[in-house]
């Protein structure tokens, strides 16, 4: 085969692979589900013919105004700071409680009812009580996030501690392996999947509760702007702020949490896909 023919074959192969990749991207079930939701939304808004159900285009216009005018940076920055502080506190408390519950039965009995009570109590209760007690200070969202998220973190971490292979720990002690090496090579690899599950769950709960607190008692933040849209009877504004804020959370999820999880779990064998 001549050099020109080989070059043409390579180009056609690359083109075919590129078209196949583009086709897989367009036909991804994620985008198909989003398209289905948008179509149903558009049809329902046309049937209702009311300001209560805005058209997707109206919501997109409001979302663009939020991003263009800088309101997004101003208010989402305030919400993000509250979420970061509250989520950090929830992770510290939840991880400590989870390790204690998973390592000793006595500690499990001590914390069990408190954790179950925390799991059952709605985040709305924490939000209302925190605003009533702490007002519009930073303590209100932090306490609400802490009370709502730490039980979920504790449950995940405690299950991770219980899942650690005790035989590997006994083997490490028998061979006099250093404590640091045991932690790095036995305990942490076993705990990491549960810790990332706790981070993902706790983070999702944190921004929901923070938004609730801002709706009831705040002078800035995404929840405050959602309340402002509600008072102005702007359904499009409520949906636009919700989607913009949720979009940021998705960016953090797929841009930060997922890559970190892949990096720290790179030692694990990849499961084969079942067709």
C-alpha atoms as a PDB file:
ATOM      1  CA  UNK A   1       0.000   0.000   0.000  1.00  0.00           C
ATOM      2  CA  UNK A   2       1.337   3.415  -0.943  1.00  0.00           C
ATOM      3  CA  UNK A   3       2.038   6.157   1.588  1.00  0.00           C
ATOM      4  CA  UNK A   4      -0.824   8.265   0.236  1.00  0.00           C
ATOM      5  CA  UNK A   5      -3.245   5.371   0.602  1.00  0.00           C
ATOM      6  CA  UNK A   6      -2.071   4.716   4.183  1.00  0.00           C
ATOM      7  CA  UNK A   7      -2.519   8.397   5.037  1.00  0.00           C
ATOM      8  CA  UNK A   8      -6.012   8.391   3.560  1.00  0.00           C
ATOM      9  CA  UNK A   9      -6.884   5.251   5.531  1.00  0.00           C
ATOM     10  CA  UNK A  10      -5.675   6.831   8.779  1.00  0.00           C
ATOM     11  CA  UNK A  11      -7.674   9.986   8.095  1.00  0.00           C
ATOM     12  CA  UNK A  12     -10.839   8.047   7.334  1.00  0.00           C
ATOM     13  CA  UNK A  13     -10.339   5.959  10.481  1.00  0.00           C
ATOM     14  CA  UNK A  14      -9.924   9.051  12.621  1.00  0.00           C
ATOM     15  CA  UNK A  15     -12.969  10.610  11.002  1.00  0.00           C
ATOM     16  CA  UNK A  16     -15.056   7.525  11.679  1.00  0.00           C
ATOM     17  CA  UNK A  17     -13.947   7.455  15.309  1.00  0.00           C
ATOM     18  CA  UNK A  18     -14.694  11.159  15.647  1.00  0.00           C
ATOM     19  CA  UNK A  19     -18.198  10.739  14.219  1.00  0.00           C
ATOM     20  CA  UNK A  20     -18.810   7.751  16.481  1.00  0.00           C
ATOM     21  CA  UNK A  21     -17.683   9.732  19.540  1.00  0.00           C
ATOM     22  CA  UNK A  22     -19.911  12.668  18.535  1.00  0.00           C
ATOM     23  CA  UNK A  23     -22.848  10.316  18.061  1.00  0.00           C
ATOM     24  CA  UNK A  24     -22.297   8.752  21.495  1.00  0.00           C
ATOM     25  CA  UNK A  25     -22.142  12.227  23.055  1.00  0.00           C
ATOM     26  CA  UNK A  26     -25.344  13.416  21.387  1.00  0.00           C
ATOM     27  CA  UNK A  27     -27.235  10.192  22.126  1.00  0.00           C
ATOM     28  CA  UNK A  28     -26.052  10.068  25.726  1.00  0.00           C
ATOM     29  CA  UNK A  29     -29.065   9.168  27.928  1.00  0.00           C
ATOM     30  CA  UNK A  30     -28.230  12.177  30.118  1.00  0.00           C
ATOM     31  CA  UNK A  31     -28.919  14.640  27.295  1.00  0.00           C
ATOM     32  CA  UNK A  32     -31.932  12.667  26.074  1.00  0.00           C
ATOM     33  CA  UNK A  33     -33.459  12.828  29.561  1.00  0.00           C
ATOM     34  CA  UNK A  34     -32.812  16.582  29.709  1.00  0.00           C
ATOM     35  CA  UNK A  35     -34.362  17.059  26.274  1.00  0.00           C
ATOM     36  CA  UNK A  36     -37.444  15.068  27.322  1.00  0.00           C
ATOM     37  CA  UNK A  37     -37.868  17.246  30.421  1.00  0.00           C
ATOM     38  CA  UNK A  38     -37.566  20.450  28.381  1.00  0.00           C
ATOM     39  CA  UNK A  39     -40.155  19.242  25.862  1.00  0.00           C
ATOM     40  CA  UNK A  40     -42.618  18.266  28.588  1.00  0.00           C
ATOM     41  CA  UNK A  41     -42.006  21.576  30.350  1.00  0.00           C
ATOM     42  CA  UNK A  42     -42.634  23.551  27.148  1.00  0.00           C
ATOM     43  CA  UNK A  43     -45.832  21.643  26.359  1.00  0.00           C
ATOM     44  CA  UNK A  44     -47.183  21.995  29.908  1.00  0.00           C
ATOM     45  CA  UNK A  45     -46.449  25.731  29.938  1.00  0.00           C
ATOM     46  CA  UNK A  46     -48.313  26.122  26.622  1.00  0.00           C
ATOM     47  CA  UNK A  47     -51.301  24.169  27.925  1.00  0.00           C
ATOM     48  CA  UNK A  48     -51.501  26.099  31.185  1.00  0.00           C
ATOM     49  CA  UNK A  49     -51.063  29.478  29.450  1.00  0.00           C
ATOM     50  CA  UNK A  50     -50.307  31.065  32.795  1.00  0.00           C
ATOM     51  CA  UNK A  51     -47.547  33.116  34.421  1.00  0.00           C
ATOM     52  CA  UNK A  52     -47.288  30.427  37.087  1.00  0.00           C
ATOM     53  CA  UNK A  53     -45.543  28.051  34.674  1.00  0.00           C
ATOM     54  CA  UNK A  54     -42.920  30.021  32.717  1.00  0.00           C
ATOM     55  CA  UNK A  55     -41.497  28.851  29.413  1.00  0.00           C
ATOM     56  CA  UNK A  56     -37.965  27.396  29.433  1.00  0.00           C
ATOM     57  CA  UNK A  57     -36.819  30.329  27.301  1.00  0.00           C
ATOM     58  CA  UNK A  58     -38.004  32.808  29.967  1.00  0.00           C
ATOM     59  CA  UNK A  59     -36.093  30.929  32.667  1.00  0.00           C
ATOM     60  CA  UNK A  60     -32.995  30.821  30.471  1.00  0.00           C
ATOM     61  CA  UNK A  61     -33.240  34.588  29.952  1.00  0.00           C
ATOM     62  CA  UNK A  62     -33.432  35.204  33.706  1.00  0.00           C
ATOM     63  CA  UNK A  63     -30.525  32.830  34.319  1.00  0.00           C
ATOM     64  CA  UNK A  64     -28.419  34.696  31.756  1.00  0.00           C
ATOM     65  CA  UNK A  65     -29.221  38.008  33.490  1.00  0.00           C
ATOM     66  CA  UNK A  66     -28.106  36.510  36.806  1.00  0.00           C
ATOM     67  CA  UNK A  67     -24.791  35.490  35.289  1.00  0.00           C
ATOM     68  CA  UNK A  68     -24.294  38.627  33.186  1.00  0.00           C
ATOM     69  CA  UNK A  69     -24.984  41.236  35.883  1.00  0.00           C
ATOM     70  CA  UNK A  70     -22.683  39.683  38.499  1.00  0.00           C
ATOM     71  CA  UNK A  71     -25.470  38.776  40.924  1.00  0.00           C
ATOM     72  CA  UNK A  72     -24.357  35.170  40.620  1.00  0.00           C
ATOM     73  CA  UNK A  73     -20.874  35.860  41.951  1.00  0.00           C
ATOM     74  CA  UNK A  74     -22.096  38.135  44.740  1.00  0.00           C
ATOM     75  CA  UNK A  75     -24.781  35.908  46.186  1.00  0.00           C
ATOM     76  CA  UNK A  76     -23.413  32.464  45.375  1.00  0.00           C
ATOM     77  CA  UNK A  77     -20.080  33.445  46.943  1.00  0.00           C
ATOM     78  CA  UNK A  78     -21.919  34.179  50.199  1.00  0.00           C
ATOM     79  CA  UNK A  79     -23.766  30.852  50.029  1.00  0.00           C
ATOM     80  CA  UNK A  80     -20.600  28.951  49.139  1.00  0.00           C
ATOM     81  CA  UNK A  81     -18.733  30.331  52.160  1.00  0.00           C
ATOM     82  CA  UNK A  82     -21.539  29.287  54.502  1.00  0.00           C
ATOM     83  CA  UNK A  83     -21.699  25.846  52.913  1.00  0.00           C
ATOM     84  CA  UNK A  84     -17.934  25.389  53.161  1.00  0.00           C
ATOM     85  CA  UNK A  85     -17.811  26.254  56.867  1.00  0.00           C
ATOM     86  CA  UNK A  86     -20.881  24.199  57.781  1.00  0.00           C
ATOM     87  CA  UNK A  87     -19.869  21.224  55.644  1.00  0.00           C
ATOM     88  CA  UNK A  88     -16.365  21.196  57.134  1.00  0.00           C
ATOM     89  CA  UNK A  89     -17.819  21.159  60.652  1.00  0.00           C
ATOM     90  CA  UNK A  90     -20.239  18.386  59.689  1.00  0.00           C
ATOM     91  CA  UNK A  91     -17.434  16.272  58.215  1.00  0.00           C
ATOM     92  CA  UNK A  92     -15.258  16.686  61.314  1.00  0.00           C
ATOM     93  CA  UNK A  93     -18.053  15.834  63.760  1.00  0.00           C
ATOM     94  CA  UNK A  94     -19.575  13.109  61.572  1.00  0.00           C
ATOM     95  CA  UNK A  95     -16.239  11.413  60.892  1.00  0.00           C
ATOM     96  CA  UNK A  96     -15.321  11.437  64.591  1.00  0.00           C
ATOM     97  CA  UNK A  97     -18.687  10.001  65.601  1.00  0.00           C
ATOM     98  CA  UNK A  98     -18.577   7.442  62.779  1.00  0.00           C
ATOM     99  CA  UNK A  99     -15.119   6.185  63.727  1.00  0.00           C
ATOM    100  CA  UNK A 100     -16.173   5.818  67.365  1.00  0.00           C
ATOM    101  CA  UNK A 101     -19.409   4.018  66.432  1.00  0.00           C
ATOM    102  CA  UNK A 102     -17.640   1.642  64.086  1.00  0.00           C
ATOM    103  CA  UNK A 103     -14.742   0.817  66.391  1.00  0.00           C
ATOM    104  CA  UNK A 104     -16.486   0.197  69.735  1.00  0.00           C
ATOM    105  CA  UNK A 105     -19.910  -1.252  70.486  1.00  0.00           C
ATOM    106  CA  UNK A 106     -20.242   0.915  73.585  1.00  0.00           C
ATOM    107  CA  UNK A 107     -19.769   4.064  71.506  1.00  0.00           C
ATOM    108  CA  UNK A 108     -22.247   2.726  68.957  1.00  0.00           C
ATOM    109  CA  UNK A 109     -24.866   2.353  71.663  1.00  0.00           C
ATOM    110  CA  UNK A 110     -24.026   5.811  73.004  1.00  0.00           C
ATOM    111  CA  UNK A 111     -24.449   7.635  69.662  1.00  0.00           C
ATOM    112  CA  UNK A 112     -26.976   5.382  67.909  1.00  0.00           C
ATOM    113  CA  UNK A 113     -30.179   7.081  69.049  1.00  0.00           C
ATOM    114  CA  UNK A 114     -28.716  10.550  68.525  1.00  0.00           C
ATOM    115  CA  UNK A 115     -27.732   9.689  64.966  1.00  0.00           C
ATOM    116  CA  UNK A 116     -31.101   8.079  64.181  1.00  0.00           C
ATOM    117  CA  UNK A 117     -32.884  11.131  65.604  1.00  0.00           C
ATOM    118  CA  UNK A 118     -30.714  13.370  63.426  1.00  0.00           C
ATOM    119  CA  UNK A 119     -31.497  11.294  60.344  1.00  0.00           C
ATOM    120  CA  UNK A 120     -35.235  11.481  60.980  1.00  0.00           C
ATOM    121  CA  UNK A 121     -35.520  15.197  61.770  1.00  0.00           C
ATOM    122  CA  UNK A 122     -36.196  17.285  58.627  1.00  0.00           C
ATOM    123  CA  UNK A 123     -33.679  19.902  57.618  1.00  0.00           C
ATOM    124  CA  UNK A 124     -36.475  22.486  57.691  1.00  0.00           C
ATOM    125  CA  UNK A 125     -36.639  22.150  61.498  1.00  0.00           C
ATOM    126  CA  UNK A 126     -32.914  22.813  61.846  1.00  0.00           C
ATOM    127  CA  UNK A 127     -33.191  25.804  59.514  1.00  0.00           C
ATOM    128  CA  UNK A 128     -36.081  27.401  61.407  1.00  0.00           C
ATOM    129  CA  UNK A 129     -34.582  26.810  64.848  1.00  0.00           C
ATOM    130  CA  UNK A 130     -31.166  28.097  63.784  1.00  0.00           C
ATOM    131  CA  UNK A 131     -32.631  31.305  62.375  1.00  0.00           C
ATOM    132  CA  UNK A 132     -34.746  31.846  65.492  1.00  0.00           C
ATOM    133  CA  UNK A 133     -31.780  31.310  67.837  1.00  0.00           C
ATOM    134  CA  UNK A 134     -28.873  32.832  65.873  1.00  0.00           C
ATOM    135  CA  UNK A 135     -30.663  35.287  63.591  1.00  0.00           C
ATOM    136  CA  UNK A 136     -28.877  36.247  60.358  1.00  0.00           C
ATOM    137  CA  UNK A 137     -25.371  35.496  61.668  1.00  0.00           C
ATOM    138  CA  UNK A 138     -23.018  32.922  60.165  1.00  0.00           C
ATOM    139  CA  UNK A 139     -23.810  30.572  63.060  1.00  0.00           C
ATOM    140  CA  UNK A 140     -27.350  29.956  61.757  1.00  0.00           C
ATOM    141  CA  UNK A 141     -26.456  28.128  58.510  1.00  0.00           C
ATOM    142  CA  UNK A 142     -23.417  26.465  60.085  1.00  0.00           C
ATOM    143  CA  UNK A 143     -25.432  24.969  62.955  1.00  0.00           C
ATOM    144  CA  UNK A 144     -28.270  23.945  60.622  1.00  0.00           C
ATOM    145  CA  UNK A 145     -25.854  22.236  58.226  1.00  0.00           C
ATOM    146  CA  UNK A 146     -24.005  20.564  61.079  1.00  0.00           C
ATOM    147  CA  UNK A 147     -27.163  19.177  62.663  1.00  0.00           C
ATOM    148  CA  UNK A 148     -28.591  17.930  59.356  1.00  0.00           C
ATOM    149  CA  UNK A 149     -25.484  16.536  57.646  1.00  0.00           C
ATOM    150  CA  UNK A 150     -23.365  14.997  60.399  1.00  0.00           C
ATOM    151  CA  UNK A 151     -25.646  11.934  60.966  1.00  0.00           C
ATOM    152  CA  UNK A 152     -25.345  10.937  57.294  1.00  0.00           C
ATOM    153  CA  UNK A 153     -21.569  11.306  57.454  1.00  0.00           C
ATOM    154  CA  UNK A 154     -21.427   9.298  60.691  1.00  0.00           C
ATOM    155  CA  UNK A 155     -23.452   6.429  59.232  1.00  0.00           C
ATOM    156  CA  UNK A 156     -21.243   6.142  56.147  1.00  0.00           C
ATOM    157  CA  UNK A 157     -17.993   6.345  58.086  1.00  0.00           C
ATOM    158  CA  UNK A 158     -19.120   3.855  60.732  1.00  0.00           C
ATOM    159  CA  UNK A 159     -20.000   1.336  58.018  1.00  0.00           C
ATOM    160  CA  UNK A 160     -16.586   1.899  56.492  1.00  0.00           C
ATOM    161  CA  UNK A 161     -14.854   1.215  59.804  1.00  0.00           C
ATOM    162  CA  UNK A 162     -16.837  -1.994  60.255  1.00  0.00           C
ATOM    163  CA  UNK A 163     -15.906  -3.127  56.739  1.00  0.00           C
ATOM    164  CA  UNK A 164     -12.150  -3.044  57.428  1.00  0.00           C
ATOM    165  CA  UNK A 165     -10.701  -6.533  57.106  1.00  0.00           C
ATOM    166  CA  UNK A 166      -9.787  -7.533  60.671  1.00  0.00           C
ATOM    167  CA  UNK A 167      -7.589 -10.361  59.391  1.00  0.00           C
ATOM    168  CA  UNK A 168      -5.385  -7.852  57.574  1.00  0.00           C
ATOM    169  CA  UNK A 169      -5.052  -5.836  60.763  1.00  0.00           C
ATOM    170  CA  UNK A 170      -4.122  -8.954  62.736  1.00  0.00           C
ATOM    171  CA  UNK A 171      -1.582  -9.877  60.071  1.00  0.00           C
ATOM    172  CA  UNK A 172      -0.068  -6.414  60.259  1.00  0.00           C
ATOM    173  CA  UNK A 173       0.285  -6.688  64.011  1.00  0.00           C
ATOM    174  CA  UNK A 174       1.761 -10.202  63.702  1.00  0.00           C
ATOM    175  CA  UNK A 175       4.419  -8.972  61.287  1.00  0.00           C
ATOM    176  CA  UNK A 176       5.009  -5.838  63.392  1.00  0.00           C
ATOM    177  CA  UNK A 177       4.050  -3.473  60.586  1.00  0.00           C
ATOM    178  CA  UNK A 178       4.302   0.172  61.647  1.00  0.00           C
ATOM    179  CA  UNK A 179       1.121   1.987  62.600  1.00  0.00           C
ATOM    180  CA  UNK A 180       1.569   4.578  59.874  1.00  0.00           C
ATOM    181  CA  UNK A 181       1.907   1.945  57.185  1.00  0.00           C
ATOM    182  CA  UNK A 182      -1.175   0.104  58.489  1.00  0.00           C
ATOM    183  CA  UNK A 183      -3.174   3.321  58.292  1.00  0.00           C
ATOM    184  CA  UNK A 184      -1.921   4.155  54.777  1.00  0.00           C
ATOM    185  CA  UNK A 185      -2.153   0.708  53.215  1.00  0.00           C
ATOM    186  CA  UNK A 186      -4.985  -1.050  55.073  1.00  0.00           C
ATOM    187  CA  UNK A 187      -7.280   1.350  56.905  1.00  0.00           C
ATOM    188  CA  UNK A 188      -7.456   4.300  54.485  1.00  0.00           C
ATOM    189  CA  UNK A 189      -7.981   2.231  51.288  1.00  0.00           C
ATOM    190  CA  UNK A 190     -10.895   0.490  53.007  1.00  0.00           C
ATOM    191  CA  UNK A 191     -12.382   3.733  54.300  1.00  0.00           C
ATOM    192  CA  UNK A 192     -11.996   5.894  51.190  1.00  0.00           C
ATOM    193  CA  UNK A 193     -15.124   4.711  49.307  1.00  0.00           C
ATOM    194  CA  UNK A 194     -17.245   5.320  52.408  1.00  0.00           C
ATOM    195  CA  UNK A 195     -15.596   8.684  53.079  1.00  0.00           C
ATOM    196  CA  UNK A 196     -16.310   9.872  49.540  1.00  0.00           C
ATOM    197  CA  UNK A 197     -19.895   8.638  49.868  1.00  0.00           C
ATOM    198  CA  UNK A 198     -20.136  10.651  53.095  1.00  0.00           C
ATOM    199  CA  UNK A 199     -18.657  13.726  51.376  1.00  0.00           C
ATOM    200  CA  UNK A 200     -21.072  13.472  48.461  1.00  0.00           C
ATOM    201  CA  UNK A 201     -24.125  12.994  50.700  1.00  0.00           C
ATOM    202  CA  UNK A 202     -23.074  15.609  53.231  1.00  0.00           C
ATOM    203  CA  UNK A 203     -22.300  18.167  50.552  1.00  0.00           C
ATOM    204  CA  UNK A 204     -25.676  17.694  48.843  1.00  0.00           C
ATOM    205  CA  UNK A 205     -27.491  18.102  52.154  1.00  0.00           C
ATOM    206  CA  UNK A 206     -25.378  21.106  53.129  1.00  0.00           C
ATOM    207  CA  UNK A 207     -26.317  23.295  50.185  1.00  0.00           C
ATOM    208  CA  UNK A 208     -29.997  22.395  50.487  1.00  0.00           C
ATOM    209  CA  UNK A 209     -30.111  23.311  54.166  1.00  0.00           C
ATOM    210  CA  UNK A 210     -28.060  26.463  53.604  1.00  0.00           C
ATOM    211  CA  UNK A 211     -30.567  27.595  50.982  1.00  0.00           C
ATOM    212  CA  UNK A 212     -33.410  27.010  53.450  1.00  0.00           C
ATOM    213  CA  UNK A 213     -31.678  29.077  56.116  1.00  0.00           C
ATOM    214  CA  UNK A 214     -31.112  31.897  53.620  1.00  0.00           C
ATOM    215  CA  UNK A 215     -34.774  31.846  52.636  1.00  0.00           C
ATOM    216  CA  UNK A 216     -35.844  32.401  56.239  1.00  0.00           C
ATOM    217  CA  UNK A 217     -33.069  34.617  57.557  1.00  0.00           C
ATOM    218  CA  UNK A 218     -30.330  36.174  55.417  1.00  0.00           C
ATOM    219  CA  UNK A 219     -29.523  39.398  53.612  1.00  0.00           C
ATOM    220  CA  UNK A 220     -27.679  37.733  50.728  1.00  0.00           C
ATOM    221  CA  UNK A 221     -27.127  34.333  49.162  1.00  0.00           C
ATOM    222  CA  UNK A 222     -28.979  32.132  46.690  1.00  0.00           C
ATOM    223  CA  UNK A 223     -31.786  31.389  49.135  1.00  0.00           C
ATOM    224  CA  UNK A 224     -32.274  35.095  49.802  1.00  0.00           C
ATOM    225  CA  UNK A 225     -32.636  35.747  46.066  1.00  0.00           C
ATOM    226  CA  UNK A 226     -35.086  32.871  45.727  1.00  0.00           C
ATOM    227  CA  UNK A 227     -37.191  34.450  48.481  1.00  0.00           C
ATOM    228  CA  UNK A 228     -36.987  37.822  46.709  1.00  0.00           C
ATOM    229  CA  UNK A 229     -38.259  36.212  43.510  1.00  0.00           C
ATOM    230  CA  UNK A 230     -41.088  34.609  45.480  1.00  0.00           C
ATOM    231  CA  UNK A 231     -42.129  37.949  46.976  1.00  0.00           C
ATOM    232  CA  UNK A 232     -42.142  39.412  43.462  1.00  0.00           C
ATOM    233  CA  UNK A 233     -44.292  36.509  42.203  1.00  0.00           C
ATOM    234  CA  UNK A 234     -41.527  35.587  39.743  1.00  0.00           C
ATOM    235  CA  UNK A 235     -41.673  31.849  39.154  1.00  0.00           C
ATOM    236  CA  UNK A 236     -39.075  32.186  36.410  1.00  0.00           C
ATOM    237  CA  UNK A 237     -36.721  33.898  38.857  1.00  0.00           C
ATOM    238  CA  UNK A 238     -37.134  31.138  41.439  1.00  0.00           C
ATOM    239  CA  UNK A 239     -36.412  28.436  38.872  1.00  0.00           C
ATOM    240  CA  UNK A 240     -33.516  30.406  37.356  1.00  0.00           C
ATOM    241  CA  UNK A 241     -31.754  30.888  40.700  1.00  0.00           C
ATOM    242  CA  UNK A 242     -32.352  27.254  41.613  1.00  0.00           C
ATOM    243  CA  UNK A 243     -30.909  26.008  38.322  1.00  0.00           C
ATOM    244  CA  UNK A 244     -27.894  28.338  38.429  1.00  0.00           C
ATOM    245  CA  UNK A 245     -27.060  27.327  41.995  1.00  0.00           C
ATOM    246  CA  UNK A 246     -27.611  23.642  41.258  1.00  0.00           C
ATOM    247  CA  UNK A 247     -25.404  24.007  38.182  1.00  0.00           C
ATOM    248  CA  UNK A 248     -22.557  25.240  40.373  1.00  0.00           C
ATOM    249  CA  UNK A 249     -23.017  22.238  42.663  1.00  0.00           C
ATOM    250  CA  UNK A 250     -22.825  19.937  39.634  1.00  0.00           C
ATOM    251  CA  UNK A 251     -19.598  21.627  38.543  1.00  0.00           C
ATOM    252  CA  UNK A 252     -18.124  20.985  42.000  1.00  0.00           C
ATOM    253  CA  UNK A 253     -19.385  17.394  41.930  1.00  0.00           C
ATOM    254  CA  UNK A 254     -17.978  16.482  38.514  1.00  0.00           C
ATOM    255  CA  UNK A 255     -15.071  18.906  38.483  1.00  0.00           C
ATOM    256  CA  UNK A 256     -13.720  18.313  41.999  1.00  0.00           C
ATOM    257  CA  UNK A 257     -15.251  15.380  43.866  1.00  0.00           C
ATOM    258  CA  UNK A 258     -15.331  12.827  41.047  1.00  0.00           C
ATOM    259  CA  UNK A 259     -11.718  13.475  39.907  1.00  0.00           C
ATOM    260  CA  UNK A 260     -10.528  13.285  43.527  1.00  0.00           C
ATOM    261  CA  UNK A 261     -12.354  10.016  44.033  1.00  0.00           C
ATOM    262  CA  UNK A 262     -10.834   8.581  40.856  1.00  0.00           C
ATOM    263  CA  UNK A 263      -7.359   9.712  41.906  1.00  0.00           C
ATOM    264  CA  UNK A 264      -7.481   8.206  45.387  1.00  0.00           C
ATOM    265  CA  UNK A 265      -9.152   5.030  44.092  1.00  0.00           C
ATOM    266  CA  UNK A 266      -6.786   4.513  41.156  1.00  0.00           C
ATOM    267  CA  UNK A 267      -5.304   1.421  42.843  1.00  0.00           C
ATOM    268  CA  UNK A 268      -8.633  -0.423  42.721  1.00  0.00           C
ATOM    269  CA  UNK A 269      -9.267  -2.728  39.750  1.00  0.00           C
ATOM    270  CA  UNK A 270     -11.883  -1.383  37.357  1.00  0.00           C
ATOM    271  CA  UNK A 271     -15.072  -3.401  37.134  1.00  0.00           C
ATOM    272  CA  UNK A 272     -15.877  -4.728  33.684  1.00  0.00           C
ATOM    273  CA  UNK A 273     -19.061  -3.395  32.132  1.00  0.00           C
ATOM    274  CA  UNK A 274     -21.823  -5.920  31.624  1.00  0.00           C
ATOM    275  CA  UNK A 275     -23.511  -5.478  28.261  1.00  0.00           C
END
